[in-house]
Amino acid sequence: MSYRKEQQYSLDYTKDASKELGIDFSIYSLQDLRKLWREFLENGIHGICFSSYEDGQEPGDRITEEQVERRIKILKPYVQSIRSFSCIEGNQYVPKIAKKHGLKTMVGAWLSDDLEKNEEELEALIVLAKKGYVDIAAVGNEVLYRNDLTLKQLLTYIKRVKKAVPKVTVGYVDAYYEFSNHPELVDVCDVVLSNCYPFWEGCPQQYSLQHMRKMYQQAKQAAGGKKIIITETGWPSQGGNEGKAIASVENAMQYFINTQLWAQEEGIDTYYFSSFDESWKVGDEGDVGAYWGLWNKYENLKF
């Protein structure tokens, strides 16, 4: 997801909301911050978005079973669930291998304006679900945000998957505000799958948890009692700024800590974005696109 002008951060910075701002990091040295970040990661997080592509690869390239298993093994000690984004070109190995290692799965069919490829994705998702590899099926990711499909087309795809695998939880992933804009999505989905990025809305890191709470509350209001899962949130460790949001090592660590603490206290299932840095993302998001991982592109922990 990238910046949208109409969603620019607009909270009152002077509002006294200290309880919503998270940990006061002013007392932490960089060394102490790294230690705390490691403690939160090693204590375990609910979920993480799986980065399939090694350096030099990009969507459309075929990923191998070996590279998927190597990366799953790296993530396994720290997470309960893995989220994947596609079901073809080798991405079908992700839920299969995650299950092999005892992890839960959220499995995505990547939908776009390529209707022929959509058919491949949907059929592959249904096959994986029928084989027991799918705990939550995500039919599309930010399709409405990108204006790739009409709402009618998207609803038809979601209903198709629900009919094919009625015992599997089915939802659709998009920015938190899209569910307010399209209540029909909430009606057809079993669960609301919401992407929340204070960074992309230009929010300063020190107010990012406050802003995240407001994002979540908007999704919750739209959900009408259905479960909400935060399917993506994160902060880049370098690469530039987005409005008042600054990409830096310190901000990335602080955002991760605050997000995990809040999600655990509130009992909110959250998938952090992302597992590994991926160089190809600079084409879509600029320099920051390559630095969202908790691990770098060489598969080493960054902090």
Protein backbone atom coordinates (compact mmCIF):
# COMPACT_ATOMS: atom_id res chain seq x y z
CA MET A 1 0.00 0.00 0.00
CA SER A 2 1.22 3.51 -0.75
CA TYR A 3 0.22 7.02 0.27
CA ARG A 4 -3.26 8.37 -0.33
CA LYS A 5 -3.74 12.10 0.06
CA GLU A 6 -7.33 11.86 1.25
CA GLN A 7 -6.28 9.63 4.17
CA GLN A 8 -3.50 11.91 5.41
CA TYR A 9 -2.97 11.82 9.16
CA SER A 10 -5.05 14.56 10.74
CA LEU A 11 -5.27 13.88 14.49
CA ASP A 12 -4.74 16.80 16.84
CA TYR A 13 -1.11 16.40 17.93
CA THR A 14 -1.75 18.51 21.05
CA LYS A 15 -4.51 16.25 22.37
CA ASP A 16 -3.65 14.77 25.77
CA ALA A 17 -3.84 11.08 24.99
CA SER A 18 -0.75 9.73 26.75
CA LYS A 19 -2.40 6.36 27.41
CA GLU A 20 -2.83 5.91 23.67
CA LEU A 21 0.73 6.80 22.74
CA GLY A 22 2.38 3.61 23.98
CA ILE A 23 5.75 3.25 25.68
CA ASP A 24 7.82 6.34 26.48
CA PHE A 25 10.98 5.49 24.55
CA SER A 26 12.84 8.66 25.57
CA ILE A 27 14.46 6.78 28.46
CA TYR A 28 15.80 4.00 26.21
CA SER A 29 19.24 3.99 24.67
CA LEU A 30 19.55 2.45 21.22
CA GLN A 31 21.12 -0.63 22.82
CA ASP A 32 18.21 -0.95 25.26
CA LEU A 33 15.73 -0.48 22.43
CA ARG A 34 17.32 -3.30 20.43
CA LYS A 35 17.17 -5.54 23.50
CA LEU A 36 13.49 -4.79 24.06
CA TRP A 37 12.71 -5.36 20.37
CA ARG A 38 14.39 -8.77 20.54
CA GLU A 39 12.48 -9.66 23.69
CA PHE A 40 9.14 -8.93 22.04
CA LEU A 41 10.06 -10.95 18.96
CA GLU A 42 11.45 -13.88 20.93
CA ASN A 43 8.36 -13.98 23.16
CA GLY A 44 6.40 -14.66 19.98
CA ILE A 45 3.97 -12.74 17.77
CA HIS A 46 0.66 -13.83 16.31
CA GLY A 47 1.43 -13.63 12.62
CA ILE A 48 3.74 -12.37 9.92
CA CYS A 49 3.39 -11.66 6.21
CA PHE A 50 5.55 -14.06 4.24
CA SER A 51 8.12 -12.56 1.87
CA SER A 52 8.53 -15.07 -0.93
CA TYR A 53 11.09 -13.39 -3.16
CA GLU A 54 14.84 -13.61 -2.75
CA ASP A 55 17.07 -10.75 -3.89
CA GLY A 56 16.85 -10.53 -7.68
CA GLN A 57 13.40 -12.12 -7.82
CA GLU A 58 10.05 -10.40 -8.28
CA PRO A 59 6.38 -11.34 -8.72
CA GLY A 60 6.03 -13.49 -11.81
CA ASP A 61 9.23 -15.41 -11.01
CA ARG A 62 8.73 -18.95 -9.81
CA ILE A 63 9.79 -19.54 -6.22
CA THR A 64 11.10 -22.91 -5.14
CA GLU A 65 9.95 -25.26 -2.42
CA GLU A 66 13.47 -25.15 -0.97
CA GLN A 67 13.49 -21.36 -0.48
CA VAL A 68 10.01 -21.42 1.05
CA GLU A 69 10.98 -24.10 3.55
CA ARG A 70 14.24 -22.34 4.44
CA ARG A 71 12.37 -19.14 5.24
CA ILE A 72 9.53 -20.89 7.09
CA LYS A 73 12.12 -22.54 9.34
CA ILE A 74 13.59 -19.10 10.13
CA LEU A 75 10.18 -17.70 11.08
CA LYS A 76 8.82 -20.73 12.91
CA PRO A 77 10.31 -20.01 16.38
CA TYR A 78 8.71 -16.57 16.48
CA VAL A 79 5.22 -16.79 14.96
CA GLN A 80 1.98 -18.72 15.23
CA SER A 81 0.66 -18.00 11.74
CA ILE A 82 1.94 -17.22 8.26
CA ARG A 83 0.13 -15.04 5.72
CA SER A 84 0.76 -15.65 2.00
CA PHE A 85 -0.36 -13.48 -0.92
CA SER A 86 -0.65 -15.81 -3.90
CA CYS A 87 -1.43 -19.46 -4.69
CA ILE A 88 0.53 -19.93 -7.93
CA GLU A 89 4.11 -19.76 -9.27
CA GLY A 90 5.45 -21.61 -6.24
CA ASN A 91 3.50 -19.65 -3.64
CA GLN A 92 1.29 -22.71 -3.15
CA TYR A 93 4.21 -24.18 -1.19
CA VAL A 94 3.86 -21.57 1.56
CA PRO A 95 0.73 -22.89 3.31
CA LYS A 96 1.71 -26.50 2.68
CA ILE A 97 5.10 -26.08 4.34
CA ALA A 98 3.73 -23.84 7.09
CA LYS A 99 1.29 -26.61 8.02
CA LYS A 100 4.12 -29.14 7.90
CA HIS A 101 5.84 -27.09 10.60
CA GLY A 102 2.72 -26.75 12.74
CA LEU A 103 1.82 -23.16 11.87
CA LYS A 104 -1.56 -21.61 11.14
CA THR A 105 -2.17 -20.05 7.73
CA MET A 106 -3.91 -17.15 6.07
CA VAL A 107 -3.74 -17.91 2.36
CA GLY A 108 -4.32 -15.22 -0.24
CA ALA A 109 -5.44 -15.44 -3.84
CA TRP A 110 -3.85 -12.49 -5.64
CA LEU A 111 -6.55 -10.82 -7.74
CA SER A 112 -5.96 -8.14 -10.35
CA ASP A 113 -7.42 -6.89 -13.63
CA ASP A 114 -5.98 -10.01 -15.31
CA LEU A 115 -9.15 -12.13 -15.25
CA GLU A 116 -7.44 -15.21 -16.68
CA LYS A 117 -4.83 -15.21 -13.94
CA ASN A 118 -7.56 -14.62 -11.35
CA GLU A 119 -9.04 -17.96 -12.38
CA GLU A 120 -5.73 -19.69 -11.75
CA GLU A 121 -5.42 -18.06 -8.32
CA LEU A 122 -8.96 -18.90 -7.23
CA GLU A 123 -8.83 -22.51 -8.34
CA ALA A 124 -5.46 -22.97 -6.63
CA LEU A 125 -6.81 -21.43 -3.41
CA ILE A 126 -9.81 -23.76 -3.46
CA VAL A 127 -7.57 -26.79 -4.00
CA LEU A 128 -5.32 -25.79 -1.08
CA ALA A 129 -8.34 -25.23 1.15
CA LYS A 130 -9.85 -28.60 0.30
CA LYS A 131 -6.54 -30.24 1.20
CA GLY A 132 -6.62 -28.65 4.66
CA TYR A 133 -3.81 -26.15 4.19
CA VAL A 134 -5.95 -23.03 4.69
CA ASP A 135 -7.21 -21.69 8.02
CA ILE A 136 -8.33 -18.34 6.58
CA ALA A 137 -8.82 -17.73 2.86
CA ALA A 138 -8.14 -14.15 1.75
CA VAL A 139 -9.86 -13.58 -1.60
CA GLY A 140 -7.93 -10.63 -2.96
CA ASN A 141 -5.67 -7.98 -1.46
CA GLU A 142 -6.36 -4.24 -1.90
CA VAL A 143 -8.21 -4.84 -5.18
CA LEU A 144 -10.59 -1.94 -4.54
CA TYR A 145 -7.75 0.29 -3.34
CA ARG A 146 -5.99 -0.29 -6.67
CA ASN A 147 -9.25 -0.08 -8.68
CA ASP A 148 -8.41 -3.40 -10.37
CA LEU A 149 -11.92 -4.87 -10.14
CA THR A 150 -15.44 -3.64 -9.59
CA LEU A 151 -17.16 -4.33 -6.29
CA LYS A 152 -19.55 -6.66 -8.12
CA GLN A 153 -16.70 -8.72 -9.59
CA LEU A 154 -15.01 -8.96 -6.20
CA LEU A 155 -18.17 -10.03 -4.38
CA THR A 156 -18.74 -12.74 -6.99
CA TYR A 157 -15.24 -14.13 -6.39
CA ILE A 158 -15.69 -14.13 -2.61
CA LYS A 159 -19.05 -15.90 -2.82
CA ARG A 160 -17.53 -18.48 -5.16
CA VAL A 161 -14.81 -19.41 -2.68
CA LYS A 162 -17.27 -19.51 0.23
CA LYS A 163 -19.49 -21.91 -1.70
CA ALA A 164 -16.54 -24.13 -2.70
CA VAL A 165 -15.09 -24.42 0.83
CA PRO A 166 -17.95 -23.72 3.27
CA LYS A 167 -16.00 -24.91 6.31
CA VAL A 168 -13.13 -22.46 5.77
CA THR A 169 -13.19 -18.89 7.10
CA VAL A 170 -13.26 -16.54 4.10
CA GLY A 171 -12.53 -12.82 3.92
CA TYR A 172 -11.08 -10.04 1.79
CA VAL A 173 -8.10 -7.82 2.58
CA ASP A 174 -8.11 -4.06 2.11
CA ALA A 175 -7.40 -0.76 3.81
CA TYR A 176 -9.44 -0.30 6.99
CA TYR A 177 -11.63 2.46 5.50
CA GLU A 178 -12.75 0.39 2.50
CA PHE A 179 -15.05 -1.61 4.78
CA SER A 180 -16.78 1.60 5.84
CA ASN A 181 -17.12 2.58 2.19
CA HIS A 182 -18.43 -0.84 1.10
CA PRO A 183 -20.68 -2.48 3.72
CA GLU A 184 -21.48 -5.18 1.15
CA LEU A 185 -17.98 -6.53 1.77
CA VAL A 186 -18.68 -6.97 5.46
CA ASP A 187 -21.96 -8.72 4.69
CA VAL A 188 -20.35 -11.36 2.47
CA CYS A 189 -17.16 -11.95 4.48
CA ASP A 190 -16.82 -14.18 7.54
CA VAL A 191 -14.12 -11.93 8.96
CA VAL A 192 -12.90 -8.37 8.30
CA LEU A 193 -9.27 -8.37 7.13
CA SER A 194 -7.92 -4.86 7.59
CA ASN A 195 -4.61 -3.28 6.54
CA CYS A 196 -3.55 -0.43 8.84
CA TYR A 197 -0.49 1.71 8.04
CA PRO A 198 0.05 4.91 10.02
CA PHE A 199 3.29 5.34 8.04
CA TRP A 200 1.53 5.58 4.68
CA GLU A 201 -0.81 8.21 6.09
CA GLY A 202 2.11 10.43 7.06
CA CYS A 203 1.73 9.94 10.81
CA PRO A 204 4.70 10.76 13.07
CA GLN A 205 5.91 7.64 14.85
CA GLN A 206 5.22 9.03 18.32
CA TYR A 207 1.51 9.28 17.45
CA SER A 208 1.31 6.11 15.37
CA LEU A 209 -0.26 3.89 18.03
CA GLN A 210 -2.93 6.52 18.67
CA HIS A 211 -3.63 6.62 14.94
CA MET A 212 -3.64 2.81 14.71
CA ARG A 213 -6.29 2.68 17.43
CA LYS A 214 -8.49 5.02 15.39
CA MET A 215 -7.99 2.90 12.26
CA TYR A 216 -8.97 -0.21 14.18
CA GLN A 217 -12.01 1.47 15.71
CA GLN A 218 -13.24 2.54 12.28
CA ALA A 219 -12.90 -1.04 11.01
CA LYS A 220 -14.59 -2.32 14.16
CA GLN A 221 -17.54 -0.01 13.67
CA ALA A 222 -17.90 -1.16 10.06
CA ALA A 223 -17.55 -4.84 11.02
CA GLY A 224 -20.84 -4.95 12.93
CA GLY A 225 -19.63 -7.51 15.44
CA LYS A 226 -17.60 -9.67 13.05
CA LYS A 227 -14.02 -10.46 14.00
CA ILE A 228 -11.37 -8.04 12.76
CA ILE A 229 -7.85 -9.16 11.94
CA ILE A 230 -5.11 -6.65 11.18
CA THR A 231 -3.62 -8.27 8.12
CA GLU A 232 -0.80 -5.80 7.55
CA THR A 233 0.94 -3.16 9.57
CA GLY A 234 4.58 -2.18 9.81
CA TRP A 235 7.20 0.54 9.60
CA PRO A 236 10.22 0.73 7.25
CA SER A 237 13.70 0.91 8.72
CA GLN A 238 15.14 3.21 6.05
CA GLY A 239 14.43 4.76 2.68
CA GLY A 240 12.97 8.19 3.31
CA ASN A 241 9.90 9.90 4.73
CA GLU A 242 6.18 9.97 4.01
CA GLY A 243 4.90 13.29 5.22
CA LYS A 244 5.79 13.42 8.93
CA ALA A 245 6.42 9.65 9.04
CA ILE A 246 10.16 9.01 9.07
CA ALA A 247 11.67 5.67 8.05
CA SER A 248 14.44 4.80 10.50
CA VAL A 249 15.83 1.95 12.56
CA GLU A 250 14.63 3.51 15.83
CA ASN A 251 11.13 4.21 14.53
CA ALA A 252 10.80 0.72 13.06
CA MET A 253 11.72 -0.89 16.38
CA GLN A 254 9.49 1.42 18.41
CA TYR A 255 6.50 0.85 16.13
CA PHE A 256 6.92 -2.92 16.29
CA ILE A 257 7.11 -2.92 20.09
CA ASN A 258 4.10 -0.65 20.57
CA THR A 259 2.01 -2.54 18.02
CA GLN A 260 2.75 -5.94 19.51
CA LEU A 261 2.12 -4.77 23.08
CA TRP A 262 -1.20 -3.18 22.13
CA ALA A 263 -2.35 -6.15 20.03
CA GLN A 264 -1.51 -8.59 22.81
CA GLU A 265 -3.25 -6.52 25.49
CA GLU A 266 -6.38 -6.08 23.33
CA GLY A 267 -6.39 -9.64 21.97
CA ILE A 268 -6.19 -8.51 18.34
CA ASP A 269 -4.77 -10.98 15.81
CA THR A 270 -2.15 -9.06 13.85
CA TYR A 271 0.07 -9.99 10.91
CA TYR A 272 3.19 -7.86 10.85
CA PHE A 273 4.52 -6.64 7.52
CA SER A 274 6.91 -8.02 6.74
CA SER A 275 9.20 -10.97 7.32
CA PHE A 276 12.13 -10.28 4.94
CA ASP A 277 13.25 -7.19 3.04
CA GLU A 278 12.43 -7.46 -0.68
CA SER A 279 14.34 -5.29 -3.14
CA TRP A 280 11.75 -5.53 -5.93
CA LYS A 281 9.27 -3.41 -3.94
CA VAL A 282 11.15 -0.19 -4.68
CA GLY A 283 9.37 -0.14 -8.04
CA ASP A 284 5.97 0.26 -6.38
CA GLU A 285 6.82 2.17 -3.23
CA GLY A 286 10.11 3.97 -3.77
CA ASP A 287 13.18 3.40 -1.60
CA VAL A 288 11.19 2.56 1.54
CA GLY A 289 9.63 -0.43 -0.23
CA ALA A 290 12.79 -2.48 0.20
CA TYR A 291 13.02 -2.13 4.00
CA TRP A 292 9.84 -3.38 5.68
CA GLY A 293 11.25 -6.70 6.89
CA LEU A 294 12.18 -7.80 10.39
CA TRP A 295 14.91 -9.77 8.63
CA ASN A 296 17.07 -8.28 5.89
CA LYS A 297 17.30 -9.62 2.34
CA TYR A 298 20.10 -11.95 3.47
CA GLU A 299 17.68 -13.52 5.98
CA ASN A 300 19.44 -12.09 9.06
CA LEU A 301 17.57 -10.29 11.84
CA LYS A 302 17.98 -6.56 11.27
CA PHE A 303 18.08 -5.28 14.83
